[in-house]
Amino acid sequence: MCLILQSEQRTKDDHMCQINHSILCVKDEFKEITSKAEHIIRKTLEIEESIIQSKLTDKVFQRITIERNYTRSSLPPSHYLVDLSEKNNINRKFLVELLAETHNALIYFANNIGDVRRLENNYGQGVDHAFANIQTVLKLEMVCRYRNVMNVFSTPWKSIHEINDRLIFSARMIHLCLSDYYAVRAIVIARHLRQWMEDLITGINGLDTKYLT
């Protein structure tokens, strides 16, 4: 579906994106978003493989599993993304809420990756470069395309500075050495992000089968 943009953004600008105020094909934007999500999935796998090649101990693998489960409660909500698969028709209000929910989640992950990149990394520049690439794609490719679509529907969005939530890890993390601490945090965020990207792709692909009321 191609729509003409007729409205300006209605939120404080964080100057991160150049909003497209010309004719925009929403379907094309979603296609690009899914392409970038697939790219991020590949990058998270590269990160995980690079860290695991350093021969992590069984204790670290156990901690990764524990922390991934522990941090689930601090992940961004995905109510509308989950509900999307159960609906045959969606209305404008649902779509607007879905866009806002996903937009905020993308910024959440970009911010959390920034935190990981500030940690001491003993696993090589390749891991940091992969995280840097993911962070750039999340913000400048995916978030900005979401804002283009949100602008079509006159939907305001939060700036990157307004989303301050973080993954909350357990207190047991302080007992890890620096290299293990980094490995756990990096792999946990990579796995959560990969799952989110997979769900996002499924959700966007499913939009083609929905009737907008």
N, C-alpha and C. Protein backbone atom coordinates (compact mmCIF):
# COMPACT_ATOMS: atom_id res chain seq x y z
N MET A 1 0.84 -1.19 0.00
CA MET A 1 0.00 0.00 0.00
C MET A 1 0.88 1.24 0.00
N CYS A 2 0.66 2.16 -0.91
CA CYS A 2 1.43 3.39 -0.99
C CYS A 2 0.56 4.56 -0.54
N LEU A 3 1.10 5.37 0.34
CA LEU A 3 0.36 6.50 0.88
C LEU A 3 1.15 7.78 0.70
N ILE A 4 0.43 8.90 0.62
CA ILE A 4 1.09 10.21 0.55
C ILE A 4 1.21 10.77 1.95
N LEU A 5 2.39 11.18 2.32
CA LEU A 5 2.60 11.77 3.63
C LEU A 5 1.98 13.16 3.66
N GLN A 6 1.13 13.39 4.64
CA GLN A 6 0.45 14.68 4.71
C GLN A 6 0.67 15.38 6.04
N SER A 7 1.44 14.78 6.93
CA SER A 7 1.58 15.36 8.26
C SER A 7 3.03 15.45 8.67
N GLU A 8 3.31 16.38 9.54
CA GLU A 8 4.63 16.51 10.12
C GLU A 8 4.68 15.66 11.38
N GLN A 9 5.88 15.27 11.80
CA GLN A 9 6.01 14.54 13.04
C GLN A 9 5.52 15.42 14.18
N ARG A 10 4.97 14.80 15.22
CA ARG A 10 4.37 15.55 16.31
C ARG A 10 5.08 15.26 17.63
N THR A 11 6.36 15.16 17.58
CA THR A 11 7.11 14.90 18.79
C THR A 11 8.43 15.65 18.72
N LYS A 12 9.07 15.79 19.83
CA LYS A 12 10.35 16.48 19.86
C LYS A 12 11.38 15.70 19.07
N ASP A 13 12.07 16.36 18.16
CA ASP A 13 13.01 15.69 17.27
C ASP A 13 14.33 15.47 17.98
N ASP A 14 14.89 14.26 17.84
CA ASP A 14 16.22 13.99 18.39
C ASP A 14 17.28 14.10 17.31
N HIS A 15 16.87 14.57 16.12
CA HIS A 15 17.79 14.82 15.00
C HIS A 15 18.52 13.55 14.55
N MET A 16 17.94 12.39 14.81
CA MET A 16 18.57 11.15 14.41
C MET A 16 18.19 10.76 12.98
N CYS A 17 16.99 11.16 12.56
CA CYS A 17 16.48 10.72 11.26
C CYS A 17 16.08 11.91 10.39
N GLN A 18 16.23 11.72 9.10
CA GLN A 18 15.70 12.66 8.12
C GLN A 18 14.38 12.09 7.63
N ILE A 19 13.27 12.62 8.15
CA ILE A 19 11.97 12.06 7.84
C ILE A 19 11.59 12.35 6.39
N ASN A 20 11.08 11.32 5.73
CA ASN A 20 10.66 11.43 4.34
C ASN A 20 9.28 12.07 4.28
N HIS A 21 9.19 13.30 3.78
CA HIS A 21 7.91 14.00 3.69
C HIS A 21 7.36 14.00 2.27
N SER A 22 7.80 13.05 1.47
CA SER A 22 7.28 12.93 0.10
C SER A 22 6.44 11.66 0.01
N ILE A 23 6.15 11.22 -1.21
CA ILE A 23 5.36 10.00 -1.37
C ILE A 23 6.14 8.81 -0.82
N LEU A 24 5.46 8.00 -0.04
CA LEU A 24 6.11 6.87 0.61
C LEU A 24 5.27 5.61 0.41
N CYS A 25 5.89 4.55 -0.03
CA CYS A 25 5.21 3.27 -0.11
C CYS A 25 5.50 2.50 1.17
N VAL A 26 4.49 2.37 2.01
CA VAL A 26 4.67 1.73 3.31
C VAL A 26 5.17 0.30 3.15
N LYS A 27 4.64 -0.40 2.17
CA LYS A 27 5.04 -1.79 1.97
C LYS A 27 6.53 -1.88 1.66
N ASP A 28 7.05 -0.93 0.89
CA ASP A 28 8.48 -0.92 0.58
C ASP A 28 9.32 -0.67 1.82
N GLU A 29 8.83 0.21 2.69
CA GLU A 29 9.55 0.48 3.94
C GLU A 29 9.62 -0.78 4.80
N PHE A 30 8.51 -1.49 4.90
CA PHE A 30 8.50 -2.72 5.68
C PHE A 30 9.42 -3.78 5.08
N LYS A 31 9.48 -3.81 3.76
CA LYS A 31 10.37 -4.76 3.09
C LYS A 31 11.83 -4.48 3.46
N GLU A 32 12.20 -3.21 3.49
CA GLU A 32 13.56 -2.84 3.87
C GLU A 32 13.82 -3.15 5.33
N ILE A 33 12.82 -2.95 6.18
CA ILE A 33 12.97 -3.25 7.61
C ILE A 33 13.23 -4.73 7.83
N THR A 34 12.49 -5.59 7.13
CA THR A 34 12.72 -7.03 7.29
C THR A 34 14.09 -7.44 6.77
N SER A 35 14.55 -6.78 5.71
CA SER A 35 15.89 -7.06 5.19
C SER A 35 16.95 -6.72 6.22
N LYS A 36 16.79 -5.59 6.89
CA LYS A 36 17.75 -5.18 7.93
C LYS A 36 17.66 -6.11 9.13
N ALA A 37 16.46 -6.58 9.45
CA ALA A 37 16.31 -7.51 10.57
C ALA A 37 17.05 -8.82 10.28
N GLU A 38 16.98 -9.28 9.05
CA GLU A 38 17.71 -10.49 8.67
C GLU A 38 19.22 -10.28 8.79
N HIS A 39 19.67 -9.09 8.42
CA HIS A 39 21.09 -8.74 8.55
C HIS A 39 21.51 -8.79 10.02
N ILE A 40 20.68 -8.24 10.90
CA ILE A 40 21.00 -8.23 12.32
C ILE A 40 21.05 -9.65 12.88
N ILE A 41 20.14 -10.50 12.44
CA ILE A 41 20.17 -11.90 12.88
C ILE A 41 21.51 -12.54 12.56
N ARG A 42 22.00 -12.30 11.35
CA ARG A 42 23.30 -12.86 10.95
C ARG A 42 24.42 -12.31 11.83
N LYS A 43 24.36 -11.02 12.13
CA LYS A 43 25.40 -10.41 12.95
C LYS A 43 25.40 -10.94 14.38
N THR A 44 24.22 -11.17 14.94
CA THR A 44 24.16 -11.72 16.31
C THR A 44 24.74 -13.13 16.35
N LEU A 45 24.53 -13.89 15.30
CA LEU A 45 25.11 -15.23 15.23
C LEU A 45 26.63 -15.15 15.14
N GLU A 46 27.14 -14.18 14.38
CA GLU A 46 28.59 -13.99 14.28
C GLU A 46 29.18 -13.65 15.65
N ILE A 47 28.50 -12.77 16.38
CA ILE A 47 28.98 -12.37 17.71
C ILE A 47 29.03 -13.57 18.63
N GLU A 48 27.96 -14.33 18.66
CA GLU A 48 27.90 -15.48 19.55
C GLU A 48 28.96 -16.51 19.19
N GLU A 49 29.13 -16.78 17.91
CA GLU A 49 30.13 -17.76 17.47
C GLU A 49 31.54 -17.31 17.84
N SER A 50 31.82 -16.01 17.67
CA SER A 50 33.15 -15.48 17.99
C SER A 50 33.47 -15.64 19.47
N ILE A 51 32.50 -15.36 20.32
CA ILE A 51 32.74 -15.45 21.76
C ILE A 51 32.85 -16.91 22.20
N ILE A 52 32.00 -17.77 21.67
CA ILE A 52 32.01 -19.18 22.06
C ILE A 52 33.31 -19.86 21.63
N GLN A 53 33.91 -19.40 20.54
CA GLN A 53 35.17 -19.98 20.07
C GLN A 53 36.30 -19.80 21.08
N SER A 54 36.12 -18.91 22.04
CA SER A 54 37.16 -18.69 23.04
C SER A 54 37.13 -19.76 24.14
N LYS A 55 36.30 -20.78 23.94
CA LYS A 55 36.21 -21.91 24.86
C LYS A 55 35.71 -21.48 26.24
N LEU A 56 34.47 -21.02 26.27
CA LEU A 56 33.85 -20.65 27.53
C LEU A 56 33.66 -21.88 28.41
N THR A 57 33.70 -21.68 29.70
CA THR A 57 33.53 -22.80 30.63
C THR A 57 32.05 -23.16 30.75
N ASP A 58 31.80 -24.34 31.29
CA ASP A 58 30.41 -24.77 31.52
C ASP A 58 29.71 -23.81 32.47
N LYS A 59 30.46 -23.27 33.42
CA LYS A 59 29.89 -22.33 34.38
C LYS A 59 29.36 -21.08 33.67
N VAL A 60 30.09 -20.62 32.67
CA VAL A 60 29.65 -19.43 31.92
C VAL A 60 28.42 -19.76 31.08
N PHE A 61 28.41 -20.92 30.45
CA PHE A 61 27.23 -21.32 29.67
C PHE A 61 25.99 -21.42 30.57
N GLN A 62 26.17 -21.95 31.77
CA GLN A 62 25.06 -22.02 32.72
C GLN A 62 24.58 -20.62 33.11
N ARG A 63 25.53 -19.73 33.31
CA ARG A 63 25.17 -18.36 33.69
C ARG A 63 24.44 -17.66 32.55
N ILE A 64 24.83 -17.94 31.31
CA ILE A 64 24.14 -17.35 30.15
C ILE A 64 22.67 -17.77 30.14
N THR A 65 22.43 -19.06 30.37
CA THR A 65 21.05 -19.57 30.40
C THR A 65 20.26 -18.94 31.53
N ILE A 66 20.88 -18.86 32.71
CA ILE A 66 20.20 -18.28 33.87
C ILE A 66 19.88 -16.81 33.63
N GLU A 67 20.86 -16.06 33.11
CA GLU A 67 20.65 -14.63 32.93
C GLU A 67 19.67 -14.33 31.80
N ARG A 68 19.66 -15.18 30.79
CA ARG A 68 18.68 -14.93 29.72
C ARG A 68 17.27 -15.07 30.27
N ASN A 69 17.06 -16.07 31.11
CA ASN A 69 15.74 -16.24 31.72
C ASN A 69 15.44 -15.10 32.70
N TYR A 70 16.45 -14.72 33.46
CA TYR A 70 16.27 -13.67 34.47
C TYR A 70 15.91 -12.33 33.83
N THR A 71 16.52 -12.03 32.69
CA THR A 71 16.33 -10.72 32.06
C THR A 71 15.05 -10.61 31.24
N ARG A 72 14.34 -11.70 31.06
CA ARG A 72 13.12 -11.64 30.24
C ARG A 72 12.12 -10.61 30.76
N SER A 73 12.05 -10.47 32.08
CA SER A 73 11.07 -9.56 32.67
C SER A 73 11.38 -8.09 32.39
N SER A 74 12.62 -7.79 31.98
CA SER A 74 12.97 -6.39 31.69
C SER A 74 13.08 -6.12 30.19
N LEU A 75 12.65 -7.09 29.37
CA LEU A 75 12.60 -6.86 27.93
C LEU A 75 11.47 -5.90 27.58
N PRO A 76 11.57 -5.20 26.47
CA PRO A 76 10.47 -4.30 26.07
C PRO A 76 9.22 -5.11 25.76
N PRO A 77 8.04 -4.54 25.97
CA PRO A 77 6.80 -5.27 25.70
C PRO A 77 6.65 -5.60 24.22
N SER A 78 5.97 -6.72 23.96
CA SER A 78 5.70 -7.12 22.57
C SER A 78 4.25 -7.58 22.45
N HIS A 79 3.36 -6.94 23.23
CA HIS A 79 1.96 -7.37 23.27
C HIS A 79 1.30 -7.31 21.89
N TYR A 80 1.50 -6.19 21.20
CA TYR A 80 0.84 -6.01 19.90
C TYR A 80 1.45 -6.91 18.84
N LEU A 81 2.75 -7.13 18.93
CA LEU A 81 3.42 -8.02 17.98
C LEU A 81 2.92 -9.45 18.15
N VAL A 82 2.72 -9.87 19.40
CA VAL A 82 2.20 -11.21 19.68
C VAL A 82 0.74 -11.32 19.25
N ASP A 83 -0.06 -10.30 19.57
CA ASP A 83 -1.49 -10.32 19.23
C ASP A 83 -1.72 -10.30 17.72
N LEU A 84 -0.77 -9.75 16.99
CA LEU A 84 -0.93 -9.62 15.54
C LEU A 84 -1.17 -10.96 14.87
N SER A 85 -0.48 -12.00 15.33
CA SER A 85 -0.60 -13.32 14.71
C SER A 85 -1.97 -13.94 14.94
N GLU A 86 -2.70 -13.43 15.93
CA GLU A 86 -4.00 -14.01 16.28
C GLU A 86 -5.17 -13.26 15.65
N LYS A 87 -4.88 -12.18 14.93
CA LYS A 87 -5.95 -11.35 14.37
C LYS A 87 -6.04 -11.51 12.86
N ASN A 88 -7.26 -11.53 12.36
CA ASN A 88 -7.48 -11.53 10.91
C ASN A 88 -7.55 -10.11 10.38
N ASN A 89 -8.15 -9.23 11.18
CA ASN A 89 -8.28 -7.82 10.81
C ASN A 89 -7.65 -6.96 11.90
N ILE A 90 -7.10 -5.84 11.51
CA ILE A 90 -6.57 -4.88 12.49
C ILE A 90 -7.09 -3.50 12.14
N ASN A 91 -7.32 -2.68 13.16
CA ASN A 91 -7.76 -1.32 12.90
C ASN A 91 -6.58 -0.35 13.01
N ARG A 92 -6.85 0.88 12.70
CA ARG A 92 -5.79 1.90 12.70
C ARG A 92 -5.14 2.04 14.07
N LYS A 93 -5.97 2.02 15.13
CA LYS A 93 -5.44 2.17 16.49
C LYS A 93 -4.45 1.05 16.81
N PHE A 94 -4.81 -0.18 16.45
CA PHE A 94 -3.92 -1.31 16.70
C PHE A 94 -2.60 -1.14 15.95
N LEU A 95 -2.68 -0.74 14.69
CA LEU A 95 -1.48 -0.57 13.88
C LEU A 95 -0.57 0.51 14.45
N VAL A 96 -1.18 1.61 14.89
CA VAL A 96 -0.40 2.70 15.47
C VAL A 96 0.32 2.24 16.74
N GLU A 97 -0.39 1.49 17.58
CA GLU A 97 0.23 0.98 18.81
C GLU A 97 1.33 -0.02 18.50
N LEU A 98 1.13 -0.83 17.48
CA LEU A 98 2.14 -1.80 17.05
C LEU A 98 3.41 -1.08 16.59
N LEU A 99 3.23 -0.04 15.80
CA LEU A 99 4.38 0.73 15.30
C LEU A 99 5.16 1.35 16.45
N ALA A 100 4.44 1.95 17.41
CA ALA A 100 5.10 2.60 18.54
C ALA A 100 5.83 1.59 19.41
N GLU A 101 5.19 0.45 19.65
CA GLU A 101 5.79 -0.60 20.48
C GLU A 101 7.11 -1.09 19.87
N THR A 102 7.09 -1.33 18.57
CA THR A 102 8.28 -1.85 17.91
C THR A 102 9.37 -0.79 17.80
N HIS A 103 8.98 0.43 17.47
CA HIS A 103 9.92 1.55 17.41
C HIS A 103 10.68 1.68 18.73
N ASN A 104 9.95 1.64 19.84
CA ASN A 104 10.58 1.79 21.15
C ASN A 104 11.50 0.62 21.48
N ALA A 105 11.10 -0.58 21.05
CA ALA A 105 11.93 -1.76 21.31
C ALA A 105 13.25 -1.68 20.55
N LEU A 106 13.22 -1.18 19.33
CA LEU A 106 14.45 -1.05 18.55
C LEU A 106 15.43 -0.10 19.22
N ILE A 107 14.91 1.01 19.75
CA ILE A 107 15.77 1.96 20.46
C ILE A 107 16.30 1.32 21.75
N TYR A 108 15.45 0.58 22.43
CA TYR A 108 15.85 -0.13 23.65
C TYR A 108 17.06 -1.01 23.38
N PHE A 109 17.00 -1.80 22.31
CA PHE A 109 18.11 -2.69 22.00
C PHE A 109 19.36 -1.91 21.59
N ALA A 110 19.18 -0.84 20.84
CA ALA A 110 20.33 -0.02 20.45
C ALA A 110 21.02 0.56 21.68
N ASN A 111 20.23 1.02 22.65
CA ASN A 111 20.81 1.58 23.88
C ASN A 111 21.53 0.51 24.70
N ASN A 112 20.95 -0.68 24.78
CA ASN A 112 21.58 -1.76 25.54
C ASN A 112 22.88 -2.22 24.88
N ILE A 113 22.91 -2.21 23.57
CA ILE A 113 24.15 -2.56 22.87
C ILE A 113 25.22 -1.51 23.17
N GLY A 114 24.82 -0.26 23.26
CA GLY A 114 25.77 0.79 23.63
C GLY A 114 26.40 0.51 24.99
N ASP A 115 25.60 0.00 25.93
CA ASP A 115 26.13 -0.35 27.25
C ASP A 115 27.16 -1.48 27.15
N VAL A 116 26.86 -2.48 26.34
CA VAL A 116 27.79 -3.60 26.16
C VAL A 116 29.11 -3.12 25.56
N ARG A 117 29.02 -2.21 24.61
CA ARG A 117 30.23 -1.73 23.93
C ARG A 117 31.12 -0.91 24.85
N ARG A 118 30.57 -0.42 25.94
CA ARG A 118 31.39 0.34 26.90
C ARG A 118 32.11 -0.56 27.90
N LEU A 119 31.81 -1.85 27.87
CA LEU A 119 32.48 -2.79 28.76
C LEU A 119 33.85 -3.18 28.19
N GLU A 120 34.70 -3.69 29.06
CA GLU A 120 36.00 -4.19 28.59
C GLU A 120 35.78 -5.46 27.80
N ASN A 121 36.29 -5.48 26.56
CA ASN A 121 36.06 -6.59 25.65
C ASN A 121 37.37 -7.31 25.36
N ASN A 122 37.43 -8.58 25.75
CA ASN A 122 38.63 -9.39 25.50
C ASN A 122 38.44 -10.37 24.35
N TYR A 123 37.42 -10.15 23.55
CA TYR A 123 37.08 -11.12 22.50
C TYR A 123 37.35 -10.59 21.09
N GLY A 124 38.11 -9.53 20.99
CA GLY A 124 38.54 -9.05 19.69
C GLY A 124 37.68 -7.94 19.12
N GLN A 125 38.28 -7.19 18.19
CA GLN A 125 37.58 -6.07 17.58
C GLN A 125 36.41 -6.51 16.72
N GLY A 126 36.47 -7.75 16.22
CA GLY A 126 35.39 -8.23 15.38
C GLY A 126 34.05 -8.20 16.08
N VAL A 127 34.05 -8.56 17.37
CA VAL A 127 32.81 -8.56 18.15
C VAL A 127 32.30 -7.13 18.31
N ASP A 128 33.20 -6.22 18.66
CA ASP A 128 32.78 -4.82 18.85
C ASP A 128 32.30 -4.21 17.53
N HIS A 129 32.99 -4.53 16.44
CA HIS A 129 32.57 -4.00 15.14
C HIS A 129 31.19 -4.52 14.75
N ALA A 130 30.92 -5.78 15.08
CA ALA A 130 29.60 -6.35 14.77
C ALA A 130 28.52 -5.66 15.59
N PHE A 131 28.80 -5.42 16.88
CA PHE A 131 27.84 -4.71 17.72
C PHE A 131 27.64 -3.28 17.22
N ALA A 132 28.73 -2.63 16.81
CA ALA A 132 28.63 -1.26 16.29
C ALA A 132 27.76 -1.22 15.04
N ASN A 133 27.95 -2.21 14.17
CA ASN A 133 27.15 -2.28 12.96
C ASN A 133 25.67 -2.48 13.28
N ILE A 134 25.38 -3.37 14.21
CA ILE A 134 24.00 -3.61 14.61
C ILE A 134 23.38 -2.34 15.17
N GLN A 135 24.11 -1.64 16.02
CA GLN A 135 23.60 -0.41 16.63
C GLN A 135 23.27 0.63 15.56
N THR A 136 24.13 0.76 14.58
CA THR A 136 23.90 1.71 13.49
C THR A 136 22.68 1.32 12.67
N VAL A 137 22.57 0.05 12.33
CA VAL A 137 21.43 -0.42 11.53
C VAL A 137 20.12 -0.23 12.30
N LEU A 138 20.14 -0.55 13.59
CA LEU A 138 18.93 -0.37 14.40
C LEU A 138 18.46 1.08 14.38
N LYS A 139 19.38 2.00 14.60
CA LYS A 139 19.00 3.41 14.74
C LYS A 139 18.75 4.09 13.40
N LEU A 140 19.69 3.98 12.49
CA LEU A 140 19.63 4.78 11.27
C LEU A 140 18.86 4.11 10.14
N GLU A 141 18.73 2.80 10.19
CA GLU A 141 17.99 2.10 9.14
C GLU A 141 16.59 1.71 9.61
N MET A 142 16.51 1.00 10.72
CA MET A 142 15.21 0.48 11.13
C MET A 142 14.35 1.52 11.85
N VAL A 143 14.91 2.18 12.86
CA VAL A 143 14.12 3.19 13.58
C VAL A 143 13.66 4.29 12.64
N CYS A 144 14.55 4.76 11.79
CA CYS A 144 14.18 5.86 10.89
C CYS A 144 13.11 5.44 9.89
N ARG A 145 13.16 4.21 9.43
CA ARG A 145 12.10 3.73 8.53
C ARG A 145 10.78 3.58 9.28
N TYR A 146 10.85 3.16 10.54
CA TYR A 146 9.62 3.11 11.34
C TYR A 146 9.03 4.51 11.49
N ARG A 147 9.89 5.49 11.68
CA ARG A 147 9.38 6.86 11.82
C ARG A 147 8.75 7.36 10.52
N ASN A 148 9.29 6.94 9.39
CA ASN A 148 8.66 7.29 8.12
C ASN A 148 7.23 6.75 8.06
N VAL A 149 7.07 5.48 8.47
CA VAL A 149 5.75 4.86 8.45
C VAL A 149 4.84 5.52 9.48
N MET A 150 5.37 5.79 10.68
CA MET A 150 4.57 6.42 11.73
C MET A 150 4.11 7.81 11.30
N ASN A 151 4.94 8.48 10.54
CA ASN A 151 4.58 9.81 10.06
C ASN A 151 3.39 9.75 9.10
N VAL A 152 3.28 8.66 8.35
CA VAL A 152 2.14 8.47 7.46
C VAL A 152 0.84 8.51 8.25
N PHE A 153 0.87 7.89 9.43
CA PHE A 153 -0.33 7.78 10.25
C PHE A 153 -0.41 8.87 11.33
N SER A 154 0.38 9.93 11.16
CA SER A 154 0.37 11.06 12.10
C SER A 154 0.62 10.61 13.53
N THR A 155 1.51 9.65 13.68
CA THR A 155 1.78 9.06 14.99
C THR A 155 3.06 9.64 15.59
N PRO A 156 2.99 10.19 16.80
CA PRO A 156 4.21 10.70 17.43
C PRO A 156 5.10 9.56 17.90
N TRP A 157 6.36 9.84 18.10
CA TRP A 157 7.27 8.82 18.60
C TRP A 157 8.16 9.42 19.68
N LYS A 158 8.69 8.53 20.51
CA LYS A 158 9.62 8.95 21.56
C LYS A 158 11.00 9.16 20.95
N SER A 159 11.73 10.12 21.48
CA SER A 159 13.10 10.32 21.04
C SER A 159 13.98 9.25 21.68
N ILE A 160 15.16 9.10 21.15
CA ILE A 160 16.08 8.09 21.68
C ILE A 160 16.46 8.38 23.12
N HIS A 161 16.37 9.65 23.53
CA HIS A 161 16.74 10.04 24.89
C HIS A 161 15.62 9.76 25.90
N GLU A 162 14.43 9.49 25.41
CA GLU A 162 13.29 9.24 26.30
C GLU A 162 13.15 7.77 26.67
N ILE A 163 13.91 6.91 26.03
CA ILE A 163 13.81 5.47 26.30
C ILE A 163 15.07 5.05 27.05
N ASN A 164 14.92 4.88 28.36
CA ASN A 164 16.07 4.65 29.23
C ASN A 164 16.07 3.29 29.90
N ASP A 165 15.11 2.44 29.57
CA ASP A 165 15.05 1.12 30.19
C ASP A 165 16.24 0.26 29.76
N ARG A 166 16.64 -0.64 30.63
CA ARG A 166 17.76 -1.52 30.35
C ARG A 166 17.45 -2.95 30.78
N LEU A 167 18.17 -3.90 30.21
CA LEU A 167 18.11 -5.27 30.70
C LEU A 167 18.62 -5.30 32.13
N ILE A 168 17.90 -5.98 32.99
CA ILE A 168 18.30 -6.08 34.39
C ILE A 168 18.83 -7.49 34.64
N PHE A 169 20.12 -7.56 34.96
CA PHE A 169 20.76 -8.84 35.22
C PHE A 169 20.73 -9.13 36.72
N SER A 170 20.97 -10.38 37.07
CA SER A 170 20.93 -10.77 38.49
C SER A 170 22.17 -10.27 39.23
N ALA A 171 22.06 -10.23 40.55
CA ALA A 171 23.18 -9.78 41.39
C ALA A 171 24.36 -10.74 41.32
N ARG A 172 24.13 -11.97 40.89
CA ARG A 172 25.21 -12.96 40.80
C ARG A 172 26.25 -12.58 39.76
N MET A 173 25.91 -11.70 38.86
CA MET A 173 26.84 -11.31 37.79
C MET A 173 28.11 -10.67 38.34
N ILE A 174 28.03 -10.05 39.51
CA ILE A 174 29.20 -9.35 40.05
C ILE A 174 30.32 -10.31 40.45
N HIS A 175 30.01 -11.60 40.54
CA HIS A 175 31.02 -12.58 40.93
C HIS A 175 31.83 -13.09 39.75
N LEU A 176 31.46 -12.67 38.54
CA LEU A 176 32.18 -13.12 37.35
C LEU A 176 33.41 -12.25 37.10
N CYS A 177 34.43 -12.84 36.51
CA CYS A 177 35.58 -12.05 36.08
C CYS A 177 35.15 -11.19 34.90
N LEU A 178 35.94 -10.19 34.55
CA LEU A 178 35.54 -9.22 33.53
C LEU A 178 35.24 -9.86 32.18
N SER A 179 36.07 -10.82 31.76
CA SER A 179 35.87 -11.43 30.45
C SER A 179 34.59 -12.27 30.42
N ASP A 180 34.32 -12.99 31.51
CA ASP A 180 33.09 -13.79 31.57
C ASP A 180 31.86 -12.88 31.68
N TYR A 181 32.01 -11.79 32.42
CA TYR A 181 30.92 -10.82 32.57
C TYR A 181 30.52 -10.28 31.19
N TYR A 182 31.53 -9.93 30.41
CA TYR A 182 31.27 -9.42 29.06
C TYR A 182 30.60 -10.50 28.20
N ALA A 183 31.13 -11.71 28.26
CA ALA A 183 30.60 -12.79 27.44
C ALA A 183 29.12 -13.04 27.73
N VAL A 184 28.78 -13.07 29.01
CA VAL A 184 27.39 -13.32 29.39
C VAL A 184 26.48 -12.21 28.89
N ARG A 185 26.86 -10.97 29.16
CA ARG A 185 26.01 -9.85 28.74
C ARG A 185 25.89 -9.79 27.22
N ALA A 186 27.00 -9.99 26.52
CA ALA A 186 26.98 -9.90 25.06
C ALA A 186 26.10 -10.99 24.44
N ILE A 187 26.24 -12.21 24.92
CA ILE A 187 25.47 -13.31 24.33
C ILE A 187 24.00 -13.20 24.70
N VAL A 188 23.71 -12.78 25.92
CA VAL A 188 22.30 -12.63 26.33
C VAL A 188 21.61 -11.57 25.47
N ILE A 189 22.24 -10.42 25.28
CA ILE A 189 21.62 -9.37 24.47
C ILE A 189 21.52 -9.82 23.02
N ALA A 190 22.52 -10.55 22.53
CA ALA A 190 22.48 -11.03 21.14
C ALA A 190 21.33 -12.01 20.94
N ARG A 191 21.11 -12.89 21.90
CA ARG A 191 20.03 -13.88 21.76
C ARG A 191 18.66 -13.23 21.88
N HIS A 192 18.52 -12.30 22.82
CA HIS A 192 17.23 -11.59 22.94
C HIS A 192 16.93 -10.81 21.66
N LEU A 193 17.95 -10.13 21.15
CA LEU A 193 17.75 -9.33 19.94
C LEU A 193 17.41 -10.22 18.75
N ARG A 194 18.10 -11.35 18.64
CA ARG A 194 17.82 -12.26 17.52
C ARG A 194 16.38 -12.75 17.57
N GLN A 195 15.90 -13.10 18.76
CA GLN A 195 14.51 -13.54 18.90
C GLN A 195 13.54 -12.43 18.52
N TRP A 196 13.86 -11.20 18.92
CA TRP A 196 13.00 -10.07 18.59
C TRP A 196 12.96 -9.85 17.08
N MET A 197 14.10 -9.95 16.43
CA MET A 197 14.15 -9.76 14.98
C MET A 197 13.37 -10.85 14.26
N GLU A 198 13.46 -12.08 14.74
CA GLU A 198 12.70 -13.17 14.12
C GLU A 198 11.20 -12.93 14.27
N ASP A 199 10.78 -12.50 15.47
CA ASP A 199 9.36 -12.21 15.69
C ASP A 199 8.90 -11.02 14.86
N LEU A 200 9.79 -10.04 14.71
CA LEU A 200 9.46 -8.85 13.92
C LEU A 200 9.24 -9.22 12.45
N ILE A 201 10.12 -10.05 11.91
CA ILE A 201 9.98 -10.48 10.52
C ILE A 201 8.67 -11.23 10.33
N THR A 202 8.36 -12.13 11.25
CA THR A 202 7.10 -12.88 11.18
C THR A 202 5.91 -11.94 11.21
N GLY A 203 5.98 -10.94 12.11
CA GLY A 203 4.88 -9.99 12.24
C GLY A 203 4.68 -9.16 10.99
N ILE A 204 5.77 -8.62 10.44
CA ILE A 204 5.66 -7.79 9.25
C ILE A 204 5.17 -8.60 8.06
N ASN A 205 5.69 -9.81 7.90
CA ASN A 205 5.23 -10.66 6.80
C ASN A 205 3.75 -10.98 6.94
N GLY A 206 3.28 -11.07 8.19
CA GLY A 206 1.88 -11.36 8.42
C GLY A 206 0.95 -10.20 8.13
N LEU A 207 1.50 -8.98 8.07
CA LEU A 207 0.66 -7.81 7.80
C LEU A 207 -0.02 -7.90 6.44
N ASP A 208 0.63 -8.57 5.49
CA ASP A 208 0.06 -8.70 4.14
C ASP A 208 -1.26 -9.47 4.15
N THR A 209 -1.45 -10.29 5.17
CA THR A 209 -2.66 -11.12 5.23
C THR A 209 -3.77 -10.47 6.06
N LYS A 210 -3.48 -9.29 6.62
CA LYS A 210 -4.46 -8.62 7.48
C LYS A 210 -5.24 -7.58 6.70
N TYR A 211 -6.49 -7.43 7.09
CA TYR A 211 -7.33 -6.39 6.49
C TYR A 211 -7.39 -5.21 7.45
N LEU A 212 -7.00 -4.03 6.98
CA LEU A 212 -7.00 -2.83 7.81
C LEU A 212 -8.37 -2.18 7.78
N THR A 213 -9.03 -2.14 8.95
CA THR A 213 -10.39 -1.58 9.03
C THR A 213 -10.35 -0.13 9.45
